[in-house]
């Protein structure tokens, strides 16, 4: 048996447990995908409604001189645009970071 070196703890940290994503391991994967896809669509429709309301509040505040309403309408519109961007890009974001994480050694 060799004597311990100062780098033995790094060797233990680099242990590969051999875990990777595998389709078909648990029942109900297709049902879960369907539920998540439906939830994504529901959220996109809700964001579209919230955007319409925010734009209406923005316009109403602008035309009536209500600076607080105008400001809140602008903030709501920006939040809705960001939410729509995130909901539309969810597959790409997950795929990007999953691929990025798989390259870490």
PDB file of N, CA and C in Angstrom:
ATOM      1  N   UNK A   1       0.826  -1.171   0.000  1.00  0.00           N
ATOM      2  CA  UNK A   1       0.000   0.000   0.000  1.00  0.00           C
ATOM      3  C   UNK A   1       0.875   1.241   0.000  1.00  0.00           C
ATOM      4  N   UNK A   2       0.525   2.210  -0.849  1.00  0.00           N
ATOM      5  CA  UNK A   2       1.339   3.416  -0.945  1.00  0.00           C
ATOM      6  C   UNK A   2       0.923   4.425   0.110  1.00  0.00           C
ATOM      7  N   UNK A   3       1.815   5.336   0.380  1.00  0.00           N
ATOM      8  CA  UNK A   3       1.507   6.371   1.377  1.00  0.00           C
ATOM      9  C   UNK A   3       0.570   7.410   0.766  1.00  0.00           C
ATOM     10  N   UNK A   4      -0.289   8.008   1.584  1.00  0.00           N
ATOM     11  CA  UNK A   4      -1.241   8.995   1.053  1.00  0.00           C
ATOM     12  C   UNK A   4      -0.521  10.243   0.557  1.00  0.00           C
ATOM     13  N   UNK A   5      -1.038  10.778  -0.525  1.00  0.00           N
ATOM     14  CA  UNK A   5      -0.488  12.013  -1.089  1.00  0.00           C
ATOM     15  C   UNK A   5      -1.453  13.157  -0.783  1.00  0.00           C
ATOM     16  N   UNK A   6      -0.989  14.380  -0.932  1.00  0.00           N
ATOM     17  CA  UNK A   6      -1.886  15.512  -0.666  1.00  0.00           C
ATOM     18  C   UNK A   6      -3.038  15.616  -1.667  1.00  0.00           C
ATOM     19  N   UNK A   7      -2.995  14.850  -2.744  1.00  0.00           N
ATOM     20  CA  UNK A   7      -4.027  14.942  -3.780  1.00  0.00           C
ATOM     21  C   UNK A   7      -5.037  13.794  -3.726  1.00  0.00           C
ATOM     22  N   UNK A   8      -4.983  12.953  -2.708  1.00  0.00           N
ATOM     23  CA  UNK A   8      -5.914  11.833  -2.603  1.00  0.00           C
ATOM     24  C   UNK A   8      -7.365  12.284  -2.510  1.00  0.00           C
ATOM     25  N   UNK A   9      -7.621  13.413  -1.860  1.00  0.00           N
ATOM     26  CA  UNK A   9      -9.002  13.892  -1.752  1.00  0.00           C
ATOM     27  C   UNK A   9      -9.550  14.313  -3.119  1.00  0.00           C
ATOM     28  N   UNK A  10      -8.695  14.778  -4.031  1.00  0.00           N
ATOM     29  CA  UNK A  10      -9.157  15.138  -5.369  1.00  0.00           C
ATOM     30  C   UNK A  10      -9.541  13.908  -6.171  1.00  0.00           C
ATOM     31  N   UNK A  11      -8.836  12.824  -5.970  1.00  0.00           N
ATOM     32  CA  UNK A  11      -9.159  11.586  -6.665  1.00  0.00           C
ATOM     33  C   UNK A  11     -10.525  11.094  -6.207  1.00  0.00           C
ATOM     34  N   UNK A  12     -10.825  11.192  -4.925  1.00  0.00           N
ATOM     35  CA  UNK A  12     -12.126  10.783  -4.421  1.00  0.00           C
ATOM     36  C   UNK A  12     -13.239  11.689  -4.949  1.00  0.00           C
ATOM     37  N   UNK A  13     -12.979  12.970  -5.142  1.00  0.00           N
ATOM     38  CA  UNK A  13     -13.986  13.879  -5.674  1.00  0.00           C
ATOM     39  C   UNK A  13     -14.269  13.611  -7.148  1.00  0.00           C
ATOM     40  N   UNK A  14     -13.343  13.039  -7.863  1.00  0.00           N
ATOM     41  CA  UNK A  14     -13.495  12.803  -9.289  1.00  0.00           C
ATOM     42  C   UNK A  14     -14.155  11.469  -9.607  1.00  0.00           C
ATOM     43  N   UNK A  15     -14.687  10.772  -8.633  1.00  0.00           N
ATOM     44  CA  UNK A  15     -15.335   9.486  -8.852  1.00  0.00           C
ATOM     45  C   UNK A  15     -16.564   9.662  -9.726  1.00  0.00           C
ATOM     46  N   UNK A  16     -16.678   8.841 -10.753  1.00  0.00           N
ATOM     47  CA  UNK A  16     -17.815   8.893 -11.676  1.00  0.00           C
ATOM     48  C   UNK A  16     -18.856   7.874 -11.238  1.00  0.00           C
ATOM     49  N   UNK A  17     -20.038   8.325 -10.784  1.00  0.00           N
ATOM     50  CA  UNK A  17     -21.053   7.371 -10.341  1.00  0.00           C
ATOM     51  C   UNK A  17     -21.755   6.672 -11.491  1.00  0.00           C
ATOM     52  N   UNK A  18     -21.556   7.106 -12.741  1.00  0.00           N
ATOM     53  CA  UNK A  18     -22.154   6.445 -13.891  1.00  0.00           C
ATOM     54  C   UNK A  18     -23.632   6.739 -14.077  1.00  0.00           C
ATOM     55  N   UNK A  19     -24.093   7.887 -13.647  1.00  0.00           N
ATOM     56  CA  UNK A  19     -25.507   8.249 -13.773  1.00  0.00           C
ATOM     57  C   UNK A  19     -25.694   9.124 -15.003  1.00  0.00           C
ATOM     58  N   UNK A  20     -26.665   8.754 -15.830  1.00  0.00           N
ATOM     59  CA  UNK A  20     -27.014   9.564 -17.000  1.00  0.00           C
ATOM     60  C   UNK A  20     -28.513   9.408 -17.261  1.00  0.00           C
ATOM     61  N   UNK A  21     -29.137  10.407 -17.912  1.00  0.00           N
ATOM     62  CA  UNK A  21     -30.572  10.304 -18.189  1.00  0.00           C
ATOM     63  C   UNK A  21     -30.885   9.115 -19.090  1.00  0.00           C
ATOM     64  N   UNK A  22     -31.965   8.398 -18.763  1.00  0.00           N
ATOM     65  CA  UNK A  22     -32.346   7.230 -19.538  1.00  0.00           C
ATOM     66  C   UNK A  22     -33.865   7.231 -19.692  1.00  0.00           C
ATOM     67  N   UNK A  23     -34.330   7.238 -20.919  1.00  0.00           N
ATOM     68  CA  UNK A  23     -35.763   7.185 -21.173  1.00  0.00           C
ATOM     69  C   UNK A  23     -36.309   5.789 -20.944  1.00  0.00           C
ATOM     70  N   UNK A  24     -37.552   5.712 -20.499  1.00  0.00           N
ATOM     71  CA  UNK A  24     -38.194   4.427 -20.321  1.00  0.00           C
ATOM     72  C   UNK A  24     -37.909   3.750 -19.003  1.00  0.00           C
ATOM     73  N   UNK A  25     -37.222   4.433 -18.090  1.00  0.00           N
ATOM     74  CA  UNK A  25     -36.898   3.814 -16.815  1.00  0.00           C
ATOM     75  C   UNK A  25     -38.081   3.727 -15.866  1.00  0.00           C
ATOM     76  N   UNK A  26     -38.988   4.683 -15.945  1.00  0.00           N
ATOM     77  CA  UNK A  26     -40.155   4.693 -15.064  1.00  0.00           C
ATOM     78  C   UNK A  26     -41.426   4.768 -15.903  1.00  0.00           C
ATOM     79  N   UNK A  27     -42.490   4.159 -15.443  1.00  0.00           N
ATOM     80  CA  UNK A  27     -43.746   4.266 -16.192  1.00  0.00           C
ATOM     81  C   UNK A  27     -44.338   5.671 -16.051  1.00  0.00           C
ATOM     82  N   UNK A  28     -45.078   6.078 -17.053  1.00  0.00           N
ATOM     83  CA  UNK A  28     -45.756   7.364 -16.987  1.00  0.00           C
ATOM     84  C   UNK A  28     -44.993   8.530 -17.553  1.00  0.00           C
ATOM     85  N   UNK A  29     -43.865   8.272 -18.220  1.00  0.00           N
ATOM     86  CA  UNK A  29     -43.065   9.363 -18.768  1.00  0.00           C
ATOM     87  C   UNK A  29     -43.838  10.133 -19.839  1.00  0.00           C
ATOM     88  N   UNK A  30     -44.563   9.431 -20.684  1.00  0.00           N
ATOM     89  CA  UNK A  30     -45.340  10.108 -21.729  1.00  0.00           C
ATOM     90  C   UNK A  30     -46.467  10.935 -21.126  1.00  0.00           C
ATOM     91  N   UNK A  31     -47.085  10.440 -20.063  1.00  0.00           N
ATOM     92  CA  UNK A  31     -48.143  11.204 -19.390  1.00  0.00           C
ATOM     93  C   UNK A  31     -47.554  12.478 -18.785  1.00  0.00           C
ATOM     94  N   UNK A  32     -46.394  12.364 -18.156  1.00  0.00           N
ATOM     95  CA  UNK A  32     -45.735  13.531 -17.574  1.00  0.00           C
ATOM     96  C   UNK A  32     -45.381  14.554 -18.644  1.00  0.00           C
ATOM     97  N   UNK A  33     -44.858  14.097 -19.776  1.00  0.00           N
ATOM     98  CA  UNK A  33     -44.544  15.014 -20.880  1.00  0.00           C
ATOM     99  C   UNK A  33     -45.803  15.722 -21.370  1.00  0.00           C
ATOM    100  N   UNK A  34     -46.887  14.991 -21.472  1.00  0.00           N
ATOM    101  CA  UNK A  34     -48.141  15.571 -21.919  1.00  0.00           C
ATOM    102  C   UNK A  34     -48.654  16.617 -20.931  1.00  0.00           C
ATOM    103  N   UNK A  35     -48.558  16.323 -19.648  1.00  0.00           N
ATOM    104  CA  UNK A  35     -49.008  17.263 -18.626  1.00  0.00           C
ATOM    105  C   UNK A  35     -48.159  18.533 -18.653  1.00  0.00           C
ATOM    106  N   UNK A  36     -46.844  18.386 -18.740  1.00  0.00           N
ATOM    107  CA  UNK A  36     -45.953  19.542 -18.758  1.00  0.00           C
ATOM    108  C   UNK A  36     -46.180  20.369 -20.026  1.00  0.00           C
ATOM    109  N   UNK A  37     -46.382  19.719 -21.161  1.00  0.00           N
ATOM    110  CA  UNK A  37     -46.655  20.446 -22.406  1.00  0.00           C
ATOM    111  C   UNK A  37     -47.970  21.207 -22.313  1.00  0.00           C
ATOM    112  N   UNK A  38     -48.982  20.598 -21.728  1.00  0.00           N
ATOM    113  CA  UNK A  38     -50.269  21.276 -21.554  1.00  0.00           C
ATOM    114  C   UNK A  38     -50.144  22.445 -20.593  1.00  0.00           C
ATOM    115  N   UNK A  39     -49.360  22.270 -19.542  1.00  0.00           N
ATOM    116  CA  UNK A  39     -49.131  23.353 -18.598  1.00  0.00           C
ATOM    117  C   UNK A  39     -48.407  24.517 -19.267  1.00  0.00           C
ATOM    118  N   UNK A  40     -47.431  24.206 -20.122  1.00  0.00           N
ATOM    119  CA  UNK A  40     -46.710  25.243 -20.865  1.00  0.00           C
ATOM    120  C   UNK A  40     -47.674  26.018 -21.759  1.00  0.00           C
ATOM    121  N   UNK A  41     -48.552  25.321 -22.464  1.00  0.00           N
ATOM    122  CA  UNK A  41     -49.529  25.987 -23.322  1.00  0.00           C
ATOM    123  C   UNK A  41     -50.477  26.848 -22.500  1.00  0.00           C
ATOM    124  N   UNK A  42     -50.948  26.332 -21.367  1.00  0.00           N
ATOM    125  CA  UNK A  42     -51.828  27.102 -20.495  1.00  0.00           C
ATOM    126  C   UNK A  42     -51.142  28.389 -20.045  1.00  0.00           C
ATOM    127  N   UNK A  43     -49.880  28.295 -19.671  1.00  0.00           N
ATOM    128  CA  UNK A  43     -49.140  29.477 -19.226  1.00  0.00           C
ATOM    129  C   UNK A  43     -48.957  30.480 -20.358  1.00  0.00           C
ATOM    130  N   UNK A  44     -48.717  30.003 -21.577  1.00  0.00           N
ATOM    131  CA  UNK A  44     -48.578  30.908 -22.714  1.00  0.00           C
ATOM    132  C   UNK A  44     -49.880  31.655 -22.972  1.00  0.00           C
ATOM    133  N   UNK A  45     -51.009  30.969 -22.890  1.00  0.00           N
ATOM    134  CA  UNK A  45     -52.307  31.620 -23.075  1.00  0.00           C
ATOM    135  C   UNK A  45     -52.552  32.632 -21.955  1.00  0.00           C
ATOM    136  N   UNK A  46     -52.207  32.280 -20.725  1.00  0.00           N
ATOM    137  CA  UNK A  46     -52.372  33.207 -19.601  1.00  0.00           C
ATOM    138  C   UNK A  46     -51.490  34.445 -19.768  1.00  0.00           C
ATOM    139  N   UNK A  47     -50.284  34.265 -20.262  1.00  0.00           N
ATOM    140  CA  UNK A  47     -49.389  35.400 -20.495  1.00  0.00           C
ATOM    141  C   UNK A  47     -49.945  36.297 -21.602  1.00  0.00           C
ATOM    142  N   UNK A  48     -50.542  35.708 -22.622  1.00  0.00           N
ATOM    143  CA  UNK A  48     -51.145  36.516 -23.682  1.00  0.00           C
ATOM    144  C   UNK A  48     -52.277  37.373 -23.123  1.00  0.00           C
ATOM    145  N   UNK A  49     -53.100  36.813 -22.259  1.00  0.00           N
ATOM    146  CA  UNK A  49     -54.165  37.576 -21.628  1.00  0.00           C
ATOM    147  C   UNK A  49     -53.619  38.668 -20.726  1.00  0.00           C
ATOM    148  N   UNK A  50     -52.597  38.349 -19.951  1.00  0.00           N
ATOM    149  CA  UNK A  50     -51.985  39.339 -19.060  1.00  0.00           C
ATOM    150  C   UNK A  50     -51.333  40.466 -19.858  1.00  0.00           C
ATOM    151  N   UNK A  51     -50.758  40.131 -21.005  1.00  0.00           N
ATOM    152  CA  UNK A  51     -50.159  41.164 -21.855  1.00  0.00           C
ATOM    153  C   UNK A  51     -51.227  42.105 -22.396  1.00  0.00           C
ATOM    154  N   UNK A  52     -52.352  41.558 -22.819  1.00  0.00           N
ATOM    155  CA  UNK A  52     -53.447  42.403 -23.312  1.00  0.00           C
ATOM    156  C   UNK A  52     -53.945  43.337 -22.209  1.00  0.00           C
ATOM    157  N   UNK A  53     -54.081  42.825 -21.008  1.00  0.00           N
ATOM    158  CA  UNK A  53     -54.527  43.661 -19.885  1.00  0.00           C
ATOM    159  C   UNK A  53     -53.481  44.736 -19.568  1.00  0.00           C
ATOM    160  N   UNK A  54     -52.216  44.353 -19.539  1.00  0.00           N
ATOM    161  CA  UNK A  54     -51.148  45.315 -19.238  1.00  0.00           C
ATOM    162  C   UNK A  54     -51.086  46.425 -20.282  1.00  0.00           C
ATOM    163  N   UNK A  55     -51.228  46.052 -21.550  1.00  0.00           N
ATOM    164  CA  UNK A  55     -51.213  47.070 -22.590  1.00  0.00           C
ATOM    165  C   UNK A  55     -52.417  47.998 -22.480  1.00  0.00           C
ATOM    166  N   UNK A  56     -53.565  47.441 -22.099  1.00  0.00           N
ATOM    167  CA  UNK A  56     -54.751  48.263 -21.876  1.00  0.00           C
ATOM    168  C   UNK A  56     -54.561  49.230 -20.715  1.00  0.00           C
ATOM    169  N   UNK A  57     -53.968  48.760 -19.619  1.00  0.00           N
ATOM    170  CA  UNK A  57     -53.701  49.633 -18.467  1.00  0.00           C
ATOM    171  C   UNK A  57     -52.704  50.721 -18.848  1.00  0.00           C
ATOM    172  N   UNK A  58     -51.698  50.359 -19.626  1.00  0.00           N
ATOM    173  CA  UNK A  58     -50.701  51.330 -20.077  1.00  0.00           C
ATOM    174  C   UNK A  58     -51.373  52.422 -20.909  1.00  0.00           C
ATOM    175  N   UNK A  59     -52.199  52.032 -21.868  1.00  0.00           N
ATOM    176  CA  UNK A  59     -52.891  52.999 -22.717  1.00  0.00           C
ATOM    177  C   UNK A  59     -53.868  53.849 -21.908  1.00  0.00           C
ATOM    178  N   UNK A  60     -54.626  53.208 -21.013  1.00  0.00           N
ATOM    179  CA  UNK A  60     -55.586  53.949 -20.187  1.00  0.00           C
ATOM    180  C   UNK A  60     -54.863  54.972 -19.307  1.00  0.00           C
ATOM    181  N   UNK A  61     -53.765  54.554 -18.687  1.00  0.00           N
ATOM    182  CA  UNK A  61     -52.991  55.476 -17.845  1.00  0.00           C
ATOM    183  C   UNK A  61     -52.403  56.614 -18.635  1.00  0.00           C
ATOM    184  N   UNK A  62     -51.975  56.349 -19.854  1.00  0.00           N
ATOM    185  CA  UNK A  62     -51.396  57.402 -20.696  1.00  0.00           C
ATOM    186  C   UNK A  62     -52.453  58.433 -21.087  1.00  0.00           C
ATOM    187  N   UNK A  63     -53.625  57.977 -21.477  1.00  0.00           N
ATOM    188  CA  UNK A  63     -54.656  58.883 -21.968  1.00  0.00           C
ATOM    189  C   UNK A  63     -55.401  59.615 -20.858  1.00  0.00           C
ATOM    190  N   UNK A  64     -55.372  59.093 -19.649  1.00  0.00           N
ATOM    191  CA  UNK A  64     -56.072  59.772 -18.544  1.00  0.00           C
ATOM    192  C   UNK A  64     -55.108  60.561 -17.673  1.00  0.00           C
ATOM    193  N   UNK A  65     -53.820  60.471 -17.944  1.00  0.00           N
ATOM    194  CA  UNK A  65     -52.839  61.190 -17.127  1.00  0.00           C
ATOM    195  C   UNK A  65     -52.512  60.470 -15.832  1.00  0.00           C
ATOM    196  N   UNK A  66     -52.880  59.214 -15.719  1.00  0.00           N
ATOM    197  CA  UNK A  66     -52.565  58.427 -14.524  1.00  0.00           C
ATOM    198  C   UNK A  66     -51.174  57.836 -14.645  1.00  0.00           C
ATOM    199  N   UNK A  67     -50.213  58.542 -14.094  1.00  0.00           N
ATOM    200  CA  UNK A  67     -48.813  58.114 -14.252  1.00  0.00           C
ATOM    201  C   UNK A  67     -48.529  56.778 -13.568  1.00  0.00           C
ATOM    202  N   UNK A  68     -49.184  56.537 -12.446  1.00  0.00           N
ATOM    203  CA  UNK A  68     -48.989  55.259 -11.750  1.00  0.00           C
ATOM    204  C   UNK A  68     -49.530  54.104 -12.587  1.00  0.00           C
ATOM    205  N   UNK A  69     -50.713  54.263 -13.166  1.00  0.00           N
ATOM    206  CA  UNK A  69     -51.298  53.218 -14.007  1.00  0.00           C
ATOM    207  C   UNK A  69     -50.441  52.995 -15.253  1.00  0.00           C
ATOM    208  N   UNK A  70     -49.957  54.080 -15.831  1.00  0.00           N
ATOM    209  CA  UNK A  70     -49.103  53.953 -17.014  1.00  0.00           C
ATOM    210  C   UNK A  70     -47.829  53.190 -16.684  1.00  0.00           C
ATOM    211  N   UNK A  71     -47.226  53.520 -15.553  1.00  0.00           N
ATOM    212  CA  UNK A  71     -45.999  52.843 -15.126  1.00  0.00           C
ATOM    213  C   UNK A  71     -46.253  51.362 -14.850  1.00  0.00           C
ATOM    214  N   UNK A  72     -47.360  51.062 -14.190  1.00  0.00           N
ATOM    215  CA  UNK A  72     -47.683  49.659 -13.903  1.00  0.00           C
ATOM    216  C   UNK A  72     -47.988  48.886 -15.179  1.00  0.00           C
ATOM    217  N   UNK A  73     -48.630  49.524 -16.148  1.00  0.00           N
ATOM    218  CA  UNK A  73     -48.887  48.875 -17.429  1.00  0.00           C
ATOM    219  C   UNK A  73     -47.607  48.545 -18.165  1.00  0.00           C
ATOM    220  N   UNK A  74     -46.653  49.478 -18.123  1.00  0.00           N
ATOM    221  CA  UNK A  74     -45.355  49.228 -18.767  1.00  0.00           C
ATOM    222  C   UNK A  74     -44.633  48.060 -18.103  1.00  0.00           C
ATOM    223  N   UNK A  75     -44.612  48.066 -16.765  1.00  0.00           N
ATOM    224  CA  UNK A  75     -43.947  46.971 -16.042  1.00  0.00           C
ATOM    225  C   UNK A  75     -44.612  45.633 -16.336  1.00  0.00           C
ATOM    226  N   UNK A  76     -45.936  45.638 -16.354  1.00  0.00           N
ATOM    227  CA  UNK A  76     -46.656  44.401 -16.648  1.00  0.00           C
ATOM    228  C   UNK A  76     -46.364  43.889 -18.046  1.00  0.00           C
ATOM    229  N   UNK A  77     -46.290  44.806 -19.011  1.00  0.00           N
ATOM    230  CA  UNK A  77     -45.992  44.405 -20.385  1.00  0.00           C
ATOM    231  C   UNK A  77     -44.591  43.807 -20.486  1.00  0.00           C
ATOM    232  N   UNK A  78     -43.626  44.419 -19.815  1.00  0.00           N
ATOM    233  CA  UNK A  78     -42.258  43.891 -19.855  1.00  0.00           C
ATOM    234  C   UNK A  78     -42.159  42.523 -19.191  1.00  0.00           C
ATOM    235  N   UNK A  79     -42.861  42.346 -18.081  1.00  0.00           N
ATOM    236  CA  UNK A  79     -42.862  41.046 -17.403  1.00  0.00           C
ATOM    237  C   UNK A  79     -43.486  39.984 -18.306  1.00  0.00           C
ATOM    238  N   UNK A  80     -44.586  40.347 -18.985  1.00  0.00           N
ATOM    239  CA  UNK A  80     -45.248  39.396 -19.887  1.00  0.00           C
ATOM    240  C   UNK A  80     -44.358  39.014 -21.056  1.00  0.00           C
ATOM    241  N   UNK A  81     -43.644  39.989 -21.603  1.00  0.00           N
ATOM    242  CA  UNK A  81     -42.728  39.698 -22.712  1.00  0.00           C
ATOM    243  C   UNK A  81     -41.616  38.754 -22.247  1.00  0.00           C
ATOM    244  N   UNK A  82     -41.066  39.007 -21.055  1.00  0.00           N
ATOM    245  CA  UNK A  82     -40.038  38.122 -20.511  1.00  0.00           C
ATOM    246  C   UNK A  82     -40.557  36.721 -20.238  1.00  0.00           C
ATOM    247  N   UNK A  83     -41.779  36.645 -19.716  1.00  0.00           N
ATOM    248  CA  UNK A  83     -42.373  35.334 -19.449  1.00  0.00           C
ATOM    249  C   UNK A  83     -42.626  34.574 -20.744  1.00  0.00           C
ATOM    250  N   UNK A  84     -43.109  35.272 -21.766  1.00  0.00           N
ATOM    251  CA  UNK A  84     -43.340  34.618 -23.055  1.00  0.00           C
ATOM    252  C   UNK A  84     -42.027  34.130 -23.664  1.00  0.00           C
ATOM    253  N   UNK A  85     -40.984  34.934 -23.529  1.00  0.00           N
ATOM    254  CA  UNK A  85     -39.671  34.519 -24.028  1.00  0.00           C
ATOM    255  C   UNK A  85     -39.195  33.260 -23.308  1.00  0.00           C
ATOM    256  N   UNK A  86     -39.316  33.243 -21.999  1.00  0.00           N
ATOM    257  CA  UNK A  86     -38.894  32.069 -21.231  1.00  0.00           C
ATOM    258  C   UNK A  86     -39.720  30.838 -21.530  1.00  0.00           C
ATOM    259  N   UNK A  87     -41.038  30.999 -21.645  1.00  0.00           N
ATOM    260  CA  UNK A  87     -41.898  29.847 -21.937  1.00  0.00           C
ATOM    261  C   UNK A  87     -41.638  29.285 -23.331  1.00  0.00           C
ATOM    262  N   UNK A  88     -41.387  30.160 -24.281  1.00  0.00           N
ATOM    263  CA  UNK A  88     -41.115  29.693 -25.638  1.00  0.00           C
ATOM    264  C   UNK A  88     -39.750  29.042 -25.778  1.00  0.00           C
ATOM    265  N   UNK A  89     -38.816  29.466 -24.942  1.00  0.00           N
ATOM    266  CA  UNK A  89     -37.440  28.972 -25.057  1.00  0.00           C
ATOM    267  C   UNK A  89     -37.124  27.866 -24.069  1.00  0.00           C
ATOM    268  N   UNK A  90     -38.123  27.363 -23.346  1.00  0.00           N
ATOM    269  CA  UNK A  90     -37.852  26.405 -22.282  1.00  0.00           C
ATOM    270  C   UNK A  90     -37.136  25.146 -22.803  1.00  0.00           C
ATOM    271  N   UNK A  91     -37.539  24.615 -23.941  1.00  0.00           N
ATOM    272  CA  UNK A  91     -36.870  23.414 -24.469  1.00  0.00           C
ATOM    273  C   UNK A  91     -35.417  23.700 -24.827  1.00  0.00           C
ATOM    274  N   UNK A  92     -35.177  24.830 -25.461  1.00  0.00           N
ATOM    275  CA  UNK A  92     -33.812  25.196 -25.832  1.00  0.00           C
ATOM    276  C   UNK A  92     -32.928  25.447 -24.627  1.00  0.00           C
ATOM    277  N   UNK A  93     -33.477  26.111 -23.613  1.00  0.00           N
ATOM    278  CA  UNK A  93     -32.704  26.392 -22.396  1.00  0.00           C
ATOM    279  C   UNK A  93     -32.323  25.095 -21.701  1.00  0.00           C
ATOM    280  N   UNK A  94     -33.290  24.192 -21.545  1.00  0.00           N
ATOM    281  CA  UNK A  94     -33.010  22.912 -20.892  1.00  0.00           C
ATOM    282  C   UNK A  94     -32.004  22.100 -21.702  1.00  0.00           C
ATOM    283  N   UNK A  95     -32.183  22.051 -23.020  1.00  0.00           N
ATOM    284  CA  UNK A  95     -31.254  21.296 -23.868  1.00  0.00           C
ATOM    285  C   UNK A  95     -29.841  21.880 -23.803  1.00  0.00           C
ATOM    286  N   UNK A  96     -29.742  23.216 -23.807  1.00  0.00           N
ATOM    287  CA  UNK A  96     -28.429  23.861 -23.763  1.00  0.00           C
ATOM    288  C   UNK A  96     -27.688  23.515 -22.475  1.00  0.00           C
ATOM    289  N   UNK A  97     -28.367  23.694 -21.332  1.00  0.00           N
ATOM    290  CA  UNK A  97     -27.675  23.460 -20.065  1.00  0.00           C
ATOM    291  C   UNK A  97     -27.460  21.966 -19.790  1.00  0.00           C
ATOM    292  N   UNK A  98     -28.330  21.103 -20.321  1.00  0.00           N
ATOM    293  CA  UNK A  98     -28.083  19.668 -20.187  1.00  0.00           C
ATOM    294  C   UNK A  98     -26.844  19.274 -20.988  1.00  0.00           C
ATOM    295  N   UNK A  99     -26.718  19.780 -22.204  1.00  0.00           N
ATOM    296  CA  UNK A  99     -25.532  19.490 -23.010  1.00  0.00           C
ATOM    297  C   UNK A  99     -24.282  20.073 -22.368  1.00  0.00           C
ATOM    298  N   UNK A 100     -24.411  21.281 -21.826  1.00  0.00           N
ATOM    299  CA  UNK A 100     -23.280  21.919 -21.163  1.00  0.00           C
ATOM    300  C   UNK A 100     -22.855  21.104 -19.943  1.00  0.00           C
ATOM    301  N   UNK A 101     -23.829  20.639 -19.174  1.00  0.00           N
ATOM    302  CA  UNK A 101     -23.517  19.857 -17.987  1.00  0.00           C
ATOM    303  C   UNK A 101     -22.922  18.496 -18.295  1.00  0.00           C
ATOM    304  N   UNK A 102     -23.288  17.928 -19.441  1.00  0.00           N
ATOM    305  CA  UNK A 102     -22.754  16.605 -19.791  1.00  0.00           C
ATOM    306  C   UNK A 102     -21.277  16.679 -20.194  1.00  0.00           C
ATOM    307  N   UNK A 103     -20.789  17.870 -20.513  1.00  0.00           N
ATOM    308  CA  UNK A 103     -19.380  18.020 -20.888  1.00  0.00           C
ATOM    309  C   UNK A 103     -18.467  18.280 -19.691  1.00  0.00           C
ATOM    310  N   UNK A 104     -19.039  18.481 -18.524  1.00  0.00           N
ATOM    311  CA  UNK A 104     -18.241  18.727 -17.337  1.00  0.00           C
ATOM    312  C   UNK A 104     -17.635  17.413 -16.869  1.00  0.00           C
ATOM    313  N   UNK A 105     -16.364  17.401 -16.653  1.00  0.00           N
ATOM    314  CA  UNK A 105     -15.655  16.197 -16.197  1.00  0.00           C
ATOM    315  C   UNK A 105     -14.982  16.460 -14.897  1.00  0.00           C
TER     316      UNK A 105
END
